[in-house]
Amino acid sequence: MRFAKLLAWVAAVAIAPALLTSAFAQTYPSRSVRIIVPYGTGGGSDILARQIGARLQALWGQGVAVDNRAGASGNIGTEAVVHSPADGYTLLLQNSTMVVNPAVTGKLNYDPENDLTPIMLLGLTPIALVSNQGTHFKTVKDLVEYSKAHPTALNYGSCGVGTPQHFVMELVKQKTGIAATNVGYKGCAPALVDVLGGQVQLAILSANLAAPHIKTGKLNGIGVSTATRYGLMPQVPTFEEQGLKPLDFSIWYALMGPAKMPPEVVARVYADVQKVLAEPAVKDSLSAAGVEPLAGNGADLARLIKADLVRYAQLAKLANIKAE
């Protein structure tokens, strides 16, 4: 009799955590949720977080606050999430800079694969190479010919040393033999200002920032980093169309949380954010901001993180890209 009671007690203890987790998921969220964006306001990550946050707030009937924690190439905000309780009340809206950082700086204070829970992929923004309208560089071929005739004359502005944009330009240089000096800025915005003003001949930028100026003719679009043309600048050919294969790099955006989030909570967040991204108004808003939808669940995101960590590490070694 005692043995039977002991077995019943052991079974109850084993089942209790699962029941608590299930009950917690059913009541989630019962208070305000915070989405940390590890970058400043106005960028793709911030735009996505605010669009999603506002709709989730209406859907959940709970506050959803966007908390911009910029600094150290996104590492400060990311570490804040890593050290938060894994209860779903602190989420992270990151982008692919996270997988570039280890390739450039070496060991981080967190493990991108193991210290975060991947929830879902959200969207992507291509990278574009542009030139000042006064240069008359309009194709990759133009750059190759000019570089052969003037081996030390080309320079280009990037969004910073070790950013995805910098990596794409180094890959273009390797595939074409172009010689061009990187002028690393602290973000894409100042690089855009200087290529518009002619302080640099070229710039490698997030494509959504360049699109309005290509439309007005103030910039020439030389190439886009995706396999297919970008909706905001369909007149600009891809690098692959110009013979640089394979060259399919984009800045991706993703939603994550601290490691070991309850699977039921992950499923709830994933399902509700999918509903938000399917709303026509959200689709239109993100399209206008240059963010293209990218479907993918947590497993897809985990595979992408793993593959990109390897890809960027290999390219950093090949191009000798190191933090300044």
C-alpha atoms as a PDB file:
ATOM      1  CA  MET A   1       0.000   0.000   0.000  1.00  0.00           C
ATOM      2  CA  ARG A   2       2.798   2.343   0.942  1.00  0.00           C
ATOM      3  CA  PHE A   3       4.607   1.512  -2.329  1.00  0.00           C
ATOM      4  CA  ALA A   4       1.471   2.297  -4.365  1.00  0.00           C
ATOM      5  CA  LYS A   5       1.102   5.647  -2.606  1.00  0.00           C
ATOM      6  CA  LEU A   6       4.767   6.409  -3.248  1.00  0.00           C
ATOM      7  CA  LEU A   7       4.354   5.677  -6.965  1.00  0.00           C
ATOM      8  CA  ALA A   8       1.290   7.904  -7.092  1.00  0.00           C
ATOM      9  CA  TRP A   9       3.199  10.716  -5.376  1.00  0.00           C
ATOM     10  CA  VAL A  10       6.180  10.374  -7.773  1.00  0.00           C
ATOM     11  CA  ALA A  11       3.829  10.443 -10.761  1.00  0.00           C
ATOM     12  CA  ALA A  12       2.102  13.542  -9.435  1.00  0.00           C
ATOM     13  CA  VAL A  13       5.426  15.340  -8.914  1.00  0.00           C
ATOM     14  CA  ALA A  14       6.511  14.430 -12.460  1.00  0.00           C
ATOM     15  CA  ILE A  15       3.272  15.670 -14.025  1.00  0.00           C
ATOM     16  CA  ALA A  16       3.008  18.883 -12.003  1.00  0.00           C
ATOM     17  CA  PRO A  17       5.595  20.959 -13.969  1.00  0.00           C
ATOM     18  CA  ALA A  18       3.912  20.062 -17.270  1.00  0.00           C
ATOM     19  CA  LEU A  19       0.515  21.058 -15.894  1.00  0.00           C
ATOM     20  CA  LEU A  20       1.920  24.329 -14.581  1.00  0.00           C
ATOM     21  CA  THR A  21       3.570  25.089 -17.920  1.00  0.00           C
ATOM     22  CA  SER A  22       0.355  24.332 -19.797  1.00  0.00           C
ATOM     23  CA  ALA A  23      -1.705  26.484 -17.423  1.00  0.00           C
ATOM     24  CA  PHE A  24       0.833  29.311 -17.729  1.00  0.00           C
ATOM     25  CA  ALA A  25       0.653  29.181 -21.521  1.00  0.00           C
ATOM     26  CA  GLN A  26      -3.139  29.378 -21.437  1.00  0.00           C
ATOM     27  CA  THR A  27      -3.050  32.572 -19.387  1.00  0.00           C
ATOM     28  CA  TYR A  28      -0.137  34.152 -21.274  1.00  0.00           C
ATOM     29  CA  PRO A  29       0.148  37.077 -21.447  1.00  0.00           C
ATOM     30  CA  SER A  30      -1.365  38.176 -18.150  1.00  0.00           C
ATOM     31  CA  ARG A  31       0.726  41.361 -17.930  1.00  0.00           C
ATOM     32  CA  SER A  32       2.758  43.705 -20.102  1.00  0.00           C
ATOM     33  CA  VAL A  33       5.289  42.315 -22.577  1.00  0.00           C
ATOM     34  CA  ARG A  34       8.524  44.072 -23.533  1.00  0.00           C
ATOM     35  CA  ILE A  35      10.191  43.791 -26.950  1.00  0.00           C
ATOM     36  CA  ILE A  36      13.839  44.818 -26.776  1.00  0.00           C
ATOM     37  CA  VAL A  37      15.307  46.225 -29.994  1.00  0.00           C
ATOM     38  CA  PRO A  38      19.113  46.318 -29.652  1.00  0.00           C
ATOM     39  CA  TYR A  39      19.422  49.222 -32.114  1.00  0.00           C
ATOM     40  CA  GLY A  40      18.269  52.840 -32.358  1.00  0.00           C
ATOM     41  CA  THR A  41      14.900  54.075 -33.534  1.00  0.00           C
ATOM     42  CA  GLY A  42      13.951  54.264 -37.192  1.00  0.00           C
ATOM     43  CA  GLY A  43      15.760  51.182 -38.512  1.00  0.00           C
ATOM     44  CA  GLY A  44      14.192  48.020 -39.885  1.00  0.00           C
ATOM     45  CA  SER A  45      14.239  46.217 -36.522  1.00  0.00           C
ATOM     46  CA  ASP A  46      12.571  49.157 -34.776  1.00  0.00           C
ATOM     47  CA  ILE A  47       9.906  49.542 -37.485  1.00  0.00           C
ATOM     48  CA  LEU A  48       9.049  45.841 -37.276  1.00  0.00           C
ATOM     49  CA  ALA A  49       8.921  45.862 -33.481  1.00  0.00           C
ATOM     50  CA  ARG A  50       6.566  48.839 -33.366  1.00  0.00           C
ATOM     51  CA  GLN A  51       4.260  47.452 -36.041  1.00  0.00           C
ATOM     52  CA  ILE A  52       4.075  44.055 -34.359  1.00  0.00           C
ATOM     53  CA  GLY A  53       3.910  45.454 -30.841  1.00  0.00           C
ATOM     54  CA  ALA A  54       0.953  47.730 -31.544  1.00  0.00           C
ATOM     55  CA  ARG A  55      -1.079  44.898 -33.090  1.00  0.00           C
ATOM     56  CA  LEU A  56      -0.183  42.401 -30.355  1.00  0.00           C
ATOM     57  CA  GLN A  57      -1.270  44.910 -27.729  1.00  0.00           C
ATOM     58  CA  ALA A  58      -4.719  45.059 -29.313  1.00  0.00           C
ATOM     59  CA  LEU A  59      -4.849  41.287 -29.749  1.00  0.00           C
ATOM     60  CA  TRP A  60      -3.695  40.419 -26.230  1.00  0.00           C
ATOM     61  CA  GLY A  61      -5.328  43.242 -24.291  1.00  0.00           C
ATOM     62  CA  GLN A  62      -1.988  43.786 -22.550  1.00  0.00           C
ATOM     63  CA  GLY A  63       0.643  46.464 -22.969  1.00  0.00           C
ATOM     64  CA  VAL A  64       3.472  45.729 -25.386  1.00  0.00           C
ATOM     65  CA  ALA A  65       6.384  48.143 -24.990  1.00  0.00           C
ATOM     66  CA  VAL A  66       9.274  48.559 -27.435  1.00  0.00           C
ATOM     67  CA  ASP A  67      12.552  49.148 -25.588  1.00  0.00           C
ATOM     68  CA  ASN A  68      15.460  50.413 -27.736  1.00  0.00           C
ATOM     69  CA  ARG A  69      18.759  49.345 -26.156  1.00  0.00           C
ATOM     70  CA  ALA A  70      21.353  50.346 -28.735  1.00  0.00           C
ATOM     71  CA  GLY A  71      25.092  49.835 -28.424  1.00  0.00           C
ATOM     72  CA  ALA A  72      27.977  47.473 -29.197  1.00  0.00           C
ATOM     73  CA  SER A  73      26.507  46.397 -32.557  1.00  0.00           C
ATOM     74  CA  GLY A  74      23.360  45.083 -30.914  1.00  0.00           C
ATOM     75  CA  ASN A  75      25.114  43.160 -28.156  1.00  0.00           C
ATOM     76  CA  ILE A  76      23.954  45.303 -25.218  1.00  0.00           C
ATOM     77  CA  GLY A  77      20.257  44.798 -25.889  1.00  0.00           C
ATOM     78  CA  THR A  78      20.738  41.144 -26.770  1.00  0.00           C
ATOM     79  CA  GLU A  79      22.569  40.439 -23.519  1.00  0.00           C
ATOM     80  CA  ALA A  80      19.717  42.095 -21.594  1.00  0.00           C
ATOM     81  CA  VAL A  81      17.350  39.519 -23.115  1.00  0.00           C
ATOM     82  CA  VAL A  82      19.743  36.633 -22.508  1.00  0.00           C
ATOM     83  CA  HIS A  83      19.740  37.461 -18.785  1.00  0.00           C
ATOM     84  CA  SER A  84      15.955  37.975 -18.528  1.00  0.00           C
ATOM     85  CA  PRO A  85      13.516  35.370 -17.161  1.00  0.00           C
ATOM     86  CA  ALA A  86      12.479  32.873 -19.842  1.00  0.00           C
ATOM     87  CA  ASP A  87       8.770  33.487 -19.306  1.00  0.00           C
ATOM     88  CA  GLY A  88       7.858  35.196 -22.574  1.00  0.00           C
ATOM     89  CA  TYR A  89       7.531  38.664 -21.076  1.00  0.00           C
ATOM     90  CA  THR A  90      10.843  39.856 -22.523  1.00  0.00           C
ATOM     91  CA  LEU A  91      11.345  39.291 -26.243  1.00  0.00           C
ATOM     92  CA  LEU A  92      14.088  40.309 -28.665  1.00  0.00           C
ATOM     93  CA  LEU A  93      13.726  41.646 -32.188  1.00  0.00           C
ATOM     94  CA  GLN A  94      17.146  41.030 -33.712  1.00  0.00           C
ATOM     95  CA  ASN A  95      18.618  41.053 -37.178  1.00  0.00           C
ATOM     96  CA  SER A  96      21.466  39.273 -38.922  1.00  0.00           C
ATOM     97  CA  THR A  97      24.074  41.594 -37.419  1.00  0.00           C
ATOM     98  CA  MET A  98      23.955  39.152 -34.507  1.00  0.00           C
ATOM     99  CA  VAL A  99      25.567  36.372 -36.570  1.00  0.00           C
ATOM    100  CA  VAL A 100      28.123  38.733 -38.105  1.00  0.00           C
ATOM    101  CA  ASN A 101      29.463  39.976 -34.762  1.00  0.00           C
ATOM    102  CA  PRO A 102      31.248  36.744 -33.731  1.00  0.00           C
ATOM    103  CA  ALA A 103      33.035  36.599 -37.079  1.00  0.00           C
ATOM    104  CA  VAL A 104      34.413  40.106 -36.588  1.00  0.00           C
ATOM    105  CA  THR A 105      34.991  40.426 -32.848  1.00  0.00           C
ATOM    106  CA  GLY A 106      35.563  36.817 -31.855  1.00  0.00           C
ATOM    107  CA  LYS A 107      33.934  35.446 -28.720  1.00  0.00           C
ATOM    108  CA  LEU A 108      30.778  37.227 -27.491  1.00  0.00           C
ATOM    109  CA  ASN A 109      29.407  37.361 -23.956  1.00  0.00           C
ATOM    110  CA  TYR A 110      26.587  35.085 -25.077  1.00  0.00           C
ATOM    111  CA  ASP A 111      26.106  32.157 -27.456  1.00  0.00           C
ATOM    112  CA  PRO A 112      23.743  33.048 -30.351  1.00  0.00           C
ATOM    113  CA  GLU A 113      22.782  29.391 -30.749  1.00  0.00           C
ATOM    114  CA  ASN A 114      22.293  28.328 -27.138  1.00  0.00           C
ATOM    115  CA  ASP A 115      21.493  31.420 -25.059  1.00  0.00           C
ATOM    116  CA  LEU A 116      18.374  32.447 -26.971  1.00  0.00           C
ATOM    117  CA  THR A 117      15.115  30.778 -27.962  1.00  0.00           C
ATOM    118  CA  PRO A 118      14.455  31.201 -31.714  1.00  0.00           C
ATOM    119  CA  ILE A 119      10.756  31.991 -32.216  1.00  0.00           C
ATOM    120  CA  MET A 120      10.364  32.985 -35.852  1.00  0.00           C
ATOM    121  CA  LEU A 121      11.693  34.759 -38.918  1.00  0.00           C
ATOM    122  CA  LEU A 122       9.883  37.987 -39.785  1.00  0.00           C
ATOM    123  CA  GLY A 123      11.282  39.596 -42.914  1.00  0.00           C
ATOM    124  CA  LEU A 124      14.333  40.680 -44.832  1.00  0.00           C
ATOM    125  CA  THR A 125      15.871  43.714 -46.475  1.00  0.00           C
ATOM    126  CA  PRO A 126      18.375  43.361 -49.329  1.00  0.00           C
ATOM    127  CA  ILE A 127      21.673  45.216 -49.552  1.00  0.00           C
ATOM    128  CA  ALA A 128      22.364  47.558 -52.464  1.00  0.00           C
ATOM    129  CA  LEU A 129      25.525  49.001 -53.979  1.00  0.00           C
ATOM    130  CA  VAL A 130      24.944  52.552 -55.211  1.00  0.00           C
ATOM    131  CA  SER A 131      26.982  55.364 -56.696  1.00  0.00           C
ATOM    132  CA  ASN A 132      26.763  59.135 -56.715  1.00  0.00           C
ATOM    133  CA  GLN A 133      24.992  60.313 -59.862  1.00  0.00           C
ATOM    134  CA  GLY A 134      28.076  62.294 -60.898  1.00  0.00           C
ATOM    135  CA  THR A 135      30.271  59.210 -61.193  1.00  0.00           C
ATOM    136  CA  HIS A 136      28.323  57.539 -64.041  1.00  0.00           C
ATOM    137  CA  PHE A 137      28.928  54.107 -62.481  1.00  0.00           C
ATOM    138  CA  LYS A 138      25.748  52.176 -63.285  1.00  0.00           C
ATOM    139  CA  THR A 139      26.809  48.513 -63.484  1.00  0.00           C
ATOM    140  CA  VAL A 140      29.350  46.152 -61.982  1.00  0.00           C
ATOM    141  CA  LYS A 141      31.070  46.128 -65.379  1.00  0.00           C
ATOM    142  CA  ASP A 142      31.564  49.911 -65.144  1.00  0.00           C
ATOM    143  CA  LEU A 143      33.313  49.479 -61.798  1.00  0.00           C
ATOM    144  CA  VAL A 144      35.544  46.678 -63.056  1.00  0.00           C
ATOM    145  CA  GLU A 145      36.678  48.725 -66.052  1.00  0.00           C
ATOM    146  CA  TYR A 146      37.300  51.838 -63.960  1.00  0.00           C
ATOM    147  CA  SER A 147      39.189  49.910 -61.277  1.00  0.00           C
ATOM    148  CA  LYS A 148      41.487  48.340 -63.869  1.00  0.00           C
ATOM    149  CA  ALA A 149      42.339  51.782 -65.235  1.00  0.00           C
ATOM    150  CA  HIS A 150      42.545  53.450 -61.791  1.00  0.00           C
ATOM    151  CA  PRO A 151      43.562  50.756 -59.251  1.00  0.00           C
ATOM    152  CA  THR A 152      43.730  53.075 -56.215  1.00  0.00           C
ATOM    153  CA  ALA A 153      40.986  55.583 -57.014  1.00  0.00           C
ATOM    154  CA  LEU A 154      37.775  53.898 -55.823  1.00  0.00           C
ATOM    155  CA  ASN A 155      36.340  54.253 -52.341  1.00  0.00           C
ATOM    156  CA  TYR A 156      33.034  53.212 -50.852  1.00  0.00           C
ATOM    157  CA  GLY A 157      31.065  54.066 -47.758  1.00  0.00           C
ATOM    158  CA  SER A 158      29.728  51.202 -45.637  1.00  0.00           C
ATOM    159  CA  CYS A 159      27.471  51.075 -42.583  1.00  0.00           C
ATOM    160  CA  GLY A 160      30.502  50.135 -40.487  1.00  0.00           C
ATOM    161  CA  VAL A 161      33.384  47.679 -40.408  1.00  0.00           C
ATOM    162  CA  GLY A 162      32.069  44.153 -39.979  1.00  0.00           C
ATOM    163  CA  THR A 163      28.459  44.937 -40.843  1.00  0.00           C
ATOM    164  CA  PRO A 164      26.553  42.713 -43.307  1.00  0.00           C
ATOM    165  CA  GLN A 165      26.873  45.529 -45.869  1.00  0.00           C
ATOM    166  CA  HIS A 166      30.659  45.548 -45.508  1.00  0.00           C
ATOM    167  CA  PHE A 167      30.746  41.763 -45.985  1.00  0.00           C
ATOM    168  CA  VAL A 168      28.695  41.976 -49.188  1.00  0.00           C
ATOM    169  CA  MET A 169      31.022  44.577 -50.704  1.00  0.00           C
ATOM    170  CA  GLU A 170      34.083  42.519 -49.824  1.00  0.00           C
ATOM    171  CA  LEU A 171      32.459  39.563 -51.550  1.00  0.00           C
ATOM    172  CA  VAL A 172      31.781  41.706 -54.636  1.00  0.00           C
ATOM    173  CA  LYS A 173      35.432  42.767 -54.637  1.00  0.00           C
ATOM    174  CA  GLN A 174      36.623  39.166 -54.419  1.00  0.00           C
ATOM    175  CA  LYS A 175      34.399  38.002 -57.240  1.00  0.00           C
ATOM    176  CA  THR A 176      35.285  40.885 -59.587  1.00  0.00           C
ATOM    177  CA  GLY A 177      38.830  41.905 -58.698  1.00  0.00           C
ATOM    178  CA  ILE A 178      37.686  45.477 -58.021  1.00  0.00           C
ATOM    179  CA  ALA A 179      39.981  47.501 -55.776  1.00  0.00           C
ATOM    180  CA  ALA A 180      38.060  49.864 -53.495  1.00  0.00           C
ATOM    181  CA  THR A 181      38.838  51.300 -50.059  1.00  0.00           C
ATOM    182  CA  ASN A 182      36.215  50.937 -47.332  1.00  0.00           C
ATOM    183  CA  VAL A 183      35.200  54.103 -45.505  1.00  0.00           C
ATOM    184  CA  GLY A 184      33.390  52.703 -42.477  1.00  0.00           C
ATOM    185  CA  TYR A 185      30.662  54.889 -40.970  1.00  0.00           C
ATOM    186  CA  LYS A 186      28.743  54.492 -37.726  1.00  0.00           C
ATOM    187  CA  GLY A 187      25.575  53.348 -39.415  1.00  0.00           C
ATOM    188  CA  CYS A 188      24.024  53.434 -42.863  1.00  0.00           C
ATOM    189  CA  ALA A 189      22.538  56.932 -42.571  1.00  0.00           C
ATOM    190  CA  PRO A 190      25.845  58.876 -42.576  1.00  0.00           C
ATOM    191  CA  ALA A 191      27.151  56.713 -45.432  1.00  0.00           C
ATOM    192  CA  LEU A 192      24.029  57.603 -47.405  1.00  0.00           C
ATOM    193  CA  VAL A 193      24.523  61.325 -46.702  1.00  0.00           C
ATOM    194  CA  ASP A 194      28.103  61.238 -47.947  1.00  0.00           C
ATOM    195  CA  VAL A 195      27.424  59.290 -51.139  1.00  0.00           C
ATOM    196  CA  LEU A 196      24.622  61.735 -51.934  1.00  0.00           C
ATOM    197  CA  GLY A 197      27.031  64.607 -51.310  1.00  0.00           C
ATOM    198  CA  GLY A 198      29.842  63.055 -53.341  1.00  0.00           C
ATOM    199  CA  GLN A 199      32.251  62.655 -50.412  1.00  0.00           C
ATOM    200  CA  VAL A 200      32.462  58.967 -51.392  1.00  0.00           C
ATOM    201  CA  GLN A 201      31.880  57.599 -54.890  1.00  0.00           C
ATOM    202  CA  LEU A 202      30.033  54.465 -53.818  1.00  0.00           C
ATOM    203  CA  ALA A 203      28.096  53.194 -50.843  1.00  0.00           C
ATOM    204  CA  ILE A 204      26.879  49.764 -49.791  1.00  0.00           C
ATOM    205  CA  LEU A 205      23.620  50.209 -47.872  1.00  0.00           C
ATOM    206  CA  SER A 206      20.400  48.618 -46.767  1.00  0.00           C
ATOM    207  CA  ALA A 207      18.433  48.771 -50.005  1.00  0.00           C
ATOM    208  CA  ASN A 208      15.354  50.435 -48.502  1.00  0.00           C
ATOM    209  CA  LEU A 209      17.419  53.533 -47.621  1.00  0.00           C
ATOM    210  CA  ALA A 210      18.763  53.859 -51.145  1.00  0.00           C
ATOM    211  CA  ALA A 211      15.488  53.209 -52.984  1.00  0.00           C
ATOM    212  CA  PRO A 212      13.959  56.735 -52.794  1.00  0.00           C
ATOM    213  CA  HIS A 213      17.163  58.349 -54.075  1.00  0.00           C
ATOM    214  CA  ILE A 214      17.485  55.887 -56.937  1.00  0.00           C
ATOM    215  CA  LYS A 215      13.919  56.729 -57.900  1.00  0.00           C
ATOM    216  CA  THR A 216      14.719  60.456 -58.038  1.00  0.00           C
ATOM    217  CA  GLY A 217      17.989  59.874 -59.919  1.00  0.00           C
ATOM    218  CA  LYS A 218      20.242  61.207 -57.174  1.00  0.00           C
ATOM    219  CA  LEU A 219      21.890  57.806 -56.909  1.00  0.00           C
ATOM    220  CA  ASN A 220      22.684  55.122 -59.462  1.00  0.00           C
ATOM    221  CA  GLY A 221      21.733  51.585 -58.449  1.00  0.00           C
ATOM    222  CA  ILE A 222      24.568  49.223 -59.365  1.00  0.00           C
ATOM    223  CA  GLY A 223      23.439  45.930 -57.849  1.00  0.00           C
ATOM    224  CA  VAL A 224      21.213  44.258 -55.269  1.00  0.00           C
ATOM    225  CA  SER A 225      22.331  41.375 -53.069  1.00  0.00           C
ATOM    226  CA  THR A 226      19.372  39.009 -53.455  1.00  0.00           C
ATOM    227  CA  ALA A 227      18.675  36.294 -56.025  1.00  0.00           C
ATOM    228  CA  THR A 228      15.610  38.173 -57.312  1.00  0.00           C
ATOM    229  CA  ARG A 229      15.069  41.883 -57.867  1.00  0.00           C
ATOM    230  CA  TYR A 230      13.939  44.089 -54.991  1.00  0.00           C
ATOM    231  CA  GLY A 231      10.369  45.411 -55.089  1.00  0.00           C
ATOM    232  CA  LEU A 232      11.301  48.996 -54.181  1.00  0.00           C
ATOM    233  CA  MET A 233      13.893  49.230 -56.972  1.00  0.00           C
ATOM    234  CA  PRO A 234      12.904  46.764 -59.686  1.00  0.00           C
ATOM    235  CA  GLN A 235      15.010  48.646 -62.238  1.00  0.00           C
ATOM    236  CA  VAL A 236      18.244  47.694 -60.460  1.00  0.00           C
ATOM    237  CA  PRO A 237      19.686  44.293 -61.475  1.00  0.00           C
ATOM    238  CA  THR A 238      20.906  41.803 -58.907  1.00  0.00           C
ATOM    239  CA  PHE A 239      24.585  40.980 -58.592  1.00  0.00           C
ATOM    240  CA  GLU A 240      23.780  37.458 -59.712  1.00  0.00           C
ATOM    241  CA  GLU A 241      22.218  38.787 -62.927  1.00  0.00           C
ATOM    242  CA  GLN A 242      25.564  40.456 -63.575  1.00  0.00           C
ATOM    243  CA  GLY A 243      27.451  37.186 -63.230  1.00  0.00           C
ATOM    244  CA  LEU A 244      28.403  37.212 -59.534  1.00  0.00           C
ATOM    245  CA  LYS A 245      27.067  33.813 -58.519  1.00  0.00           C
ATOM    246  CA  PRO A 246      26.329  32.828 -55.855  1.00  0.00           C
ATOM    247  CA  LEU A 247      25.654  36.129 -54.098  1.00  0.00           C
ATOM    248  CA  ASP A 248      22.455  36.027 -52.080  1.00  0.00           C
ATOM    249  CA  PHE A 249      22.838  37.998 -48.851  1.00  0.00           C
ATOM    250  CA  SER A 250      20.119  39.887 -47.006  1.00  0.00           C
ATOM    251  CA  ILE A 251      19.586  41.439 -43.625  1.00  0.00           C
ATOM    252  CA  TRP A 252      17.040  39.207 -41.929  1.00  0.00           C
ATOM    253  CA  TYR A 253      14.857  40.097 -38.973  1.00  0.00           C
ATOM    254  CA  ALA A 254      13.756  37.639 -36.317  1.00  0.00           C
ATOM    255  CA  LEU A 255      11.897  37.351 -33.027  1.00  0.00           C
ATOM    256  CA  MET A 256      13.618  35.556 -30.166  1.00  0.00           C
ATOM    257  CA  GLY A 257      13.502  35.191 -26.392  1.00  0.00           C
ATOM    258  CA  PRO A 258      15.730  34.012 -23.562  1.00  0.00           C
ATOM    259  CA  ALA A 259      16.859  30.395 -23.681  1.00  0.00           C
ATOM    260  CA  LYS A 260      14.443  27.689 -22.519  1.00  0.00           C
ATOM    261  CA  MET A 261      11.192  29.543 -23.029  1.00  0.00           C
ATOM    262  CA  PRO A 262       8.168  27.247 -22.510  1.00  0.00           C
ATOM    263  CA  PRO A 263       7.283  25.663 -25.890  1.00  0.00           C
ATOM    264  CA  GLU A 264       3.604  26.520 -25.407  1.00  0.00           C
ATOM    265  CA  VAL A 265       4.444  30.210 -24.976  1.00  0.00           C
ATOM    266  CA  VAL A 266       6.694  30.129 -28.053  1.00  0.00           C
ATOM    267  CA  ALA A 267       3.825  28.580 -30.016  1.00  0.00           C
ATOM    268  CA  ARG A 268       1.409  31.268 -28.774  1.00  0.00           C
ATOM    269  CA  VAL A 269       3.725  34.136 -29.735  1.00  0.00           C
ATOM    270  CA  TYR A 270       4.467  32.546 -33.117  1.00  0.00           C
ATOM    271  CA  ALA A 271       0.782  32.028 -33.952  1.00  0.00           C
ATOM    272  CA  ASP A 272      -0.252  35.525 -32.913  1.00  0.00           C
ATOM    273  CA  VAL A 273       2.600  37.281 -34.713  1.00  0.00           C
ATOM    274  CA  GLN A 274       1.707  35.313 -37.841  1.00  0.00           C
ATOM    275  CA  LYS A 275      -1.819  36.744 -37.577  1.00  0.00           C
ATOM    276  CA  VAL A 276      -0.365  40.241 -37.256  1.00  0.00           C
ATOM    277  CA  LEU A 277       1.924  39.865 -40.281  1.00  0.00           C
ATOM    278  CA  ALA A 278      -1.019  38.637 -42.363  1.00  0.00           C
ATOM    279  CA  GLU A 279      -2.969  41.882 -41.824  1.00  0.00           C
ATOM    280  CA  PRO A 280      -3.115  43.898 -45.074  1.00  0.00           C
ATOM    281  CA  ALA A 281      -2.308  47.170 -43.278  1.00  0.00           C
ATOM    282  CA  VAL A 282       0.817  45.660 -41.721  1.00  0.00           C
ATOM    283  CA  LYS A 283       1.899  44.160 -45.028  1.00  0.00           C
ATOM    284  CA  ASP A 284       1.509  47.545 -46.741  1.00  0.00           C
ATOM    285  CA  SER A 285       3.358  49.397 -44.003  1.00  0.00           C
ATOM    286  CA  LEU A 286       6.301  47.011 -43.996  1.00  0.00           C
ATOM    287  CA  SER A 287       6.446  46.974 -47.781  1.00  0.00           C
ATOM    288  CA  ALA A 288       6.630  50.774 -47.802  1.00  0.00           C
ATOM    289  CA  ALA A 289       9.497  50.536 -45.303  1.00  0.00           C
ATOM    290  CA  GLY A 290      11.308  48.081 -47.565  1.00  0.00           C
ATOM    291  CA  VAL A 291      10.912  45.007 -45.389  1.00  0.00           C
ATOM    292  CA  GLU A 292       9.872  41.953 -47.379  1.00  0.00           C
ATOM    293  CA  PRO A 293       7.995  39.142 -45.578  1.00  0.00           C
ATOM    294  CA  LEU A 294      10.038  36.064 -44.747  1.00  0.00           C
ATOM    295  CA  ALA A 295       8.115  33.079 -43.429  1.00  0.00           C
ATOM    296  CA  GLY A 296       9.880  30.751 -41.039  1.00  0.00           C
ATOM    297  CA  ASN A 297       9.371  29.142 -37.651  1.00  0.00           C
ATOM    298  CA  GLY A 298      11.828  28.674 -34.792  1.00  0.00           C
ATOM    299  CA  ALA A 299      13.456  25.630 -36.356  1.00  0.00           C
ATOM    300  CA  ASP A 300      13.996  27.541 -39.616  1.00  0.00           C
ATOM    301  CA  LEU A 301      15.545  30.418 -37.688  1.00  0.00           C
ATOM    302  CA  ALA A 302      17.832  28.095 -35.737  1.00  0.00           C
ATOM    303  CA  ARG A 303      19.111  26.557 -38.990  1.00  0.00           C
ATOM    304  CA  LEU A 304      19.673  30.006 -40.518  1.00  0.00           C
ATOM    305  CA  ILE A 305      21.608  31.229 -37.477  1.00  0.00           C
ATOM    306  CA  LYS A 306      23.817  28.127 -37.545  1.00  0.00           C
ATOM    307  CA  ALA A 307      24.513  28.411 -41.289  1.00  0.00           C
ATOM    308  CA  ASP A 308      25.191  32.165 -41.200  1.00  0.00           C
ATOM    309  CA  LEU A 309      27.596  31.889 -38.274  1.00  0.00           C
ATOM    310  CA  VAL A 310      29.697  29.556 -40.427  1.00  0.00           C
ATOM    311  CA  ARG A 311      29.264  31.590 -43.616  1.00  0.00           C
ATOM    312  CA  TYR A 312      30.294  34.920 -42.092  1.00  0.00           C
ATOM    313  CA  ALA A 313      33.196  33.375 -40.179  1.00  0.00           C
ATOM    314  CA  GLN A 314      34.590  31.937 -43.411  1.00  0.00           C
ATOM    315  CA  LEU A 315      34.176  35.221 -45.269  1.00  0.00           C
ATOM    316  CA  ALA A 316      35.732  37.257 -42.439  1.00  0.00           C
ATOM    317  CA  LYS A 317      38.809  35.033 -42.554  1.00  0.00           C
ATOM    318  CA  LEU A 318      38.995  35.169 -46.340  1.00  0.00           C
ATOM    319  CA  ALA A 319      38.643  38.971 -46.491  1.00  0.00           C
ATOM    320  CA  ASN A 320      40.619  39.606 -43.282  1.00  0.00           C
ATOM    321  CA  ILE A 321      37.747  41.609 -41.772  1.00  0.00           C
ATOM    322  CA  LYS A 322      38.434  42.531 -38.164  1.00  0.00           C
ATOM    323  CA  ALA A 323      36.941  44.950 -35.664  1.00  0.00           C
ATOM    324  CA  GLU A 324      38.598  48.354 -35.611  1.00  0.00           C
END
